[in-house]
Amino acid sequence: MNKICNFCGNKNFRKKEVQYVYKHDGKYLIVNNVPCEECEYCGEQYFEAQSLKKIESDFNQIYVSGKKPRNKIEVPVEEFVEF
């Protein structure tokens, strides 16, 4: 199958594992080592639907069903102020 990047038109991709940040209703889940294919030119990442469904399922298990996550972090938040 010939793949073409939807953003830049490049045809070269590399398989990677990346950190994926899932956000829903102001809540976040950071998932490490998510497989994807990344455009070698612009860096756009493409994920399998099965991977994204698993992340969504994990999010719901944590926030709805009370599953304990592997780790928690504290993240500072700031508002951008123009100069």
Protein backbone atom coordinates (compact mmCIF):
# COMPACT_ATOMS: atom_id res chain seq x y z
CA MET A 1 0.00 0.00 0.00
CA ASN A 2 1.35 3.41 -0.95
CA LYS A 3 0.89 5.86 1.89
CA ILE A 4 0.95 9.60 1.44
CA CYS A 5 1.05 12.09 4.31
CA ASN A 6 -2.22 14.01 4.45
CA PHE A 7 -0.40 17.20 5.46
CA CYS A 8 2.74 17.43 3.31
CA GLY A 9 2.36 14.75 0.62
CA ASN A 10 5.53 12.91 1.62
CA LYS A 11 5.61 9.14 0.98
CA ASN A 12 8.26 8.14 3.53
CA PHE A 13 7.22 6.99 7.01
CA ARG A 14 9.00 5.43 9.97
CA LYS A 15 7.57 3.23 12.71
CA LYS A 16 7.96 4.72 16.18
CA GLU A 17 6.70 4.41 19.71
CA VAL A 18 5.62 7.75 21.13
CA GLN A 19 3.97 9.37 24.11
CA TYR A 20 0.27 10.01 23.41
CA VAL A 21 -1.76 12.56 25.37
CA TYR A 22 -5.50 11.82 25.49
CA LYS A 23 -7.81 14.62 26.67
CA HIS A 24 -11.55 14.43 27.32
CA ASP A 25 -13.73 16.81 29.36
CA GLY A 26 -10.69 18.53 30.85
CA LYS A 27 -9.16 15.25 32.05
CA TYR A 28 -5.93 13.80 30.70
CA LEU A 29 -4.28 10.44 30.23
CA ILE A 30 -0.65 10.19 29.13
CA VAL A 31 0.20 6.87 27.49
CA ASN A 32 3.81 5.91 26.81
CA ASN A 33 5.15 3.67 24.03
CA VAL A 34 2.17 3.94 21.68
CA PRO A 35 3.06 2.56 18.23
CA CYS A 36 2.56 4.85 15.25
CA GLU A 37 3.86 5.65 11.81
CA GLU A 38 5.44 9.08 11.54
CA CYS A 39 6.00 11.11 8.37
CA GLU A 40 9.74 11.51 7.91
CA TYR A 41 9.31 15.01 6.50
CA CYS A 42 6.76 16.86 8.66
CA GLY A 43 6.46 14.53 11.66
CA GLU A 44 2.70 13.97 11.42
CA GLN A 45 1.80 10.82 13.34
CA TYR A 46 -0.67 8.13 12.27
CA PHE A 47 -2.13 5.67 14.78
CA GLU A 48 -4.01 2.41 14.33
CA ALA A 49 -7.69 2.66 15.32
CA GLN A 50 -7.21 -0.33 17.63
CA SER A 51 -4.53 1.58 19.59
CA LEU A 52 -6.73 4.65 19.98
CA LYS A 53 -9.69 2.53 21.12
CA LYS A 54 -7.46 0.89 23.76
CA ILE A 55 -6.36 4.32 25.02
CA GLU A 56 -9.98 5.48 25.22
CA SER A 57 -10.91 2.29 27.07
CA ASP A 58 -8.06 2.78 29.56
CA PHE A 59 -9.16 6.40 30.09
CA ASN A 60 -12.72 5.27 30.90
CA GLN A 61 -11.52 2.51 33.19
CA ILE A 62 -9.46 5.04 35.16
CA TYR A 63 -11.92 7.95 35.29
CA VAL A 64 -15.25 6.07 35.29
CA SER A 65 -14.51 2.68 36.83
CA GLY A 66 -11.81 3.74 39.28
CA LYS A 67 -8.93 1.65 37.89
CA LYS A 68 -5.64 2.76 39.46
CA PRO A 69 -3.20 4.15 36.87
CA ARG A 70 0.40 2.96 36.80
CA ASN A 71 1.68 6.43 37.70
CA LYS A 72 0.45 9.96 38.39
CA ILE A 73 2.25 13.24 37.79
CA GLU A 74 1.64 16.86 38.75
CA VAL A 75 1.76 19.33 35.86
CA PRO A 76 1.98 23.12 36.22
CA VAL A 77 -0.51 25.09 34.07
CA GLU A 78 -0.11 28.67 32.85
CA GLU A 79 -2.12 31.00 30.62
CA PHE A 80 -0.37 32.51 27.59
CA VAL A 81 -0.12 36.28 27.80
CA GLU A 82 0.78 38.21 24.66
CA PHE A 83 3.57 40.74 24.83
